[in-house]
Amino acid sequence: MRLKQLRKNKGISQLKLAMDLNMNQNSISRYENGIREADYATLIKFADYFKVSIDYLLERTDNPNYYK
């Protein structure tokens, strides 16, 4: 998942991301390191936060755009 890359590009820490999304910093770390897989609701939170598609997050496409 591209979560770590997106977070670093935005210049925020795992703690900041966790606080913004009302999550635990350890969970963010586990998602970034592939120890844990995000459920559907969490994927939506990440996609909305970074304004990218879920497919982009999951590396199914290189196009970060999403359409509503």
C-alpha atoms as a PDB file:
ATOM      1  CA  MET A   1       0.000   0.000   0.000  1.00  0.00           C
ATOM      2  CA  ARG A   2       1.165   3.507  -0.786  1.00  0.00           C
ATOM      3  CA  LEU A   3       0.170   4.887   2.580  1.00  0.00           C
ATOM      4  CA  LYS A   4       3.703   5.643   3.768  1.00  0.00           C
ATOM      5  CA  GLN A   5       4.602   7.392   0.515  1.00  0.00           C
ATOM      6  CA  LEU A   6       1.466   9.544   0.623  1.00  0.00           C
ATOM      7  CA  ARG A   7       2.011  10.437   4.255  1.00  0.00           C
ATOM      8  CA  LYS A   8       5.640  11.432   3.690  1.00  0.00           C
ATOM      9  CA  ASN A   9       4.751  13.446   0.582  1.00  0.00           C
ATOM     10  CA  LYS A  10       2.284  15.392   2.699  1.00  0.00           C
ATOM     11  CA  GLY A  11       4.992  15.894   5.338  1.00  0.00           C
ATOM     12  CA  ILE A  12       3.082  14.481   8.287  1.00  0.00           C
ATOM     13  CA  SER A  13       3.988  11.961  10.953  1.00  0.00           C
ATOM     14  CA  GLN A  14       2.222   8.691  11.687  1.00  0.00           C
ATOM     15  CA  LEU A  15       0.960  10.271  14.895  1.00  0.00           C
ATOM     16  CA  LYS A  16      -0.528  13.272  13.055  1.00  0.00           C
ATOM     17  CA  LEU A  17      -2.267  10.977  10.561  1.00  0.00           C
ATOM     18  CA  ALA A  18      -3.575   8.785  13.362  1.00  0.00           C
ATOM     19  CA  MET A  19      -4.886  11.797  15.270  1.00  0.00           C
ATOM     20  CA  ASP A  20      -6.533  13.284  12.167  1.00  0.00           C
ATOM     21  CA  LEU A  21      -8.312   9.987  11.449  1.00  0.00           C
ATOM     22  CA  ASN A  22      -9.087   9.145  15.089  1.00  0.00           C
ATOM     23  CA  MET A  23      -6.897   6.057  14.914  1.00  0.00           C
ATOM     24  CA  ASN A  24      -3.964   4.596  16.817  1.00  0.00           C
ATOM     25  CA  GLN A  25      -0.397   5.384  15.678  1.00  0.00           C
ATOM     26  CA  ASN A  26       0.515   1.695  16.027  1.00  0.00           C
ATOM     27  CA  SER A  27      -2.204   0.806  13.535  1.00  0.00           C
ATOM     28  CA  ILE A  28      -0.795   3.279  11.013  1.00  0.00           C
ATOM     29  CA  SER A  29       2.645   1.722  11.456  1.00  0.00           C
ATOM     30  CA  ARG A  30       1.250  -1.781  10.949  1.00  0.00           C
ATOM     31  CA  TYR A  31      -0.595  -0.721   7.774  1.00  0.00           C
ATOM     32  CA  GLU A  32       2.540   0.940   6.389  1.00  0.00           C
ATOM     33  CA  ASN A  33       4.727  -2.086   7.117  1.00  0.00           C
ATOM     34  CA  GLY A  34       2.272  -4.644   5.731  1.00  0.00           C
ATOM     35  CA  ILE A  35       1.739  -6.304   9.103  1.00  0.00           C
ATOM     36  CA  ARG A  36      -1.961  -5.473   9.040  1.00  0.00           C
ATOM     37  CA  GLU A  37      -4.399  -5.004   6.156  1.00  0.00           C
ATOM     38  CA  ALA A  38      -6.871  -2.147   6.209  1.00  0.00           C
ATOM     39  CA  ASP A  39     -10.562  -2.973   6.099  1.00  0.00           C
ATOM     40  CA  TYR A  40     -12.898  -1.308   3.630  1.00  0.00           C
ATOM     41  CA  ALA A  41     -13.924   1.529   5.972  1.00  0.00           C
ATOM     42  CA  THR A  42     -10.280   2.319   6.760  1.00  0.00           C
ATOM     43  CA  LEU A  43      -9.340   2.329   3.082  1.00  0.00           C
ATOM     44  CA  ILE A  44     -12.086   4.872   2.477  1.00  0.00           C
ATOM     45  CA  LYS A  45     -10.737   7.049   5.317  1.00  0.00           C
ATOM     46  CA  PHE A  46      -7.239   6.971   3.831  1.00  0.00           C
ATOM     47  CA  ALA A  47      -8.458   7.639   0.288  1.00  0.00           C
ATOM     48  CA  ASP A  48     -10.615  10.573   1.394  1.00  0.00           C
ATOM     49  CA  TYR A  49      -7.844  12.017   3.573  1.00  0.00           C
ATOM     50  CA  PHE A  50      -5.249  11.956   0.785  1.00  0.00           C
ATOM     51  CA  LYS A  51      -7.795  12.601  -1.995  1.00  0.00           C
ATOM     52  CA  VAL A  52      -6.763   9.536  -3.979  1.00  0.00           C
ATOM     53  CA  SER A  53      -8.586   6.457  -5.200  1.00  0.00           C
ATOM     54  CA  ILE A  54      -8.603   3.208  -3.261  1.00  0.00           C
ATOM     55  CA  ASP A  55      -7.076   1.536  -6.321  1.00  0.00           C
ATOM     56  CA  TYR A  56      -4.166   3.973  -6.098  1.00  0.00           C
ATOM     57  CA  LEU A  57      -3.712   3.189  -2.400  1.00  0.00           C
ATOM     58  CA  LEU A  58      -3.644  -0.530  -3.194  1.00  0.00           C
ATOM     59  CA  GLU A  59      -1.223  -0.006  -6.116  1.00  0.00           C
ATOM     60  CA  ARG A  60      -3.719  -1.286  -8.664  1.00  0.00           C
ATOM     61  CA  THR A  61      -3.185   1.885 -10.712  1.00  0.00           C
ATOM     62  CA  ASP A  62      -0.659   4.678 -10.959  1.00  0.00           C
ATOM     63  CA  ASN A  63      -3.429   7.249 -11.438  1.00  0.00           C
ATOM     64  CA  PRO A  64      -4.189   8.830  -8.039  1.00  0.00           C
ATOM     65  CA  ASN A  65      -7.349  10.591  -9.262  1.00  0.00           C
ATOM     66  CA  TYR A  66     -10.755   9.494  -8.073  1.00  0.00           C
ATOM     67  CA  TYR A  67     -14.142  10.475  -9.344  1.00  0.00           C
ATOM     68  CA  LYS A  68     -17.318  11.100  -7.383  1.00  0.00           C
END
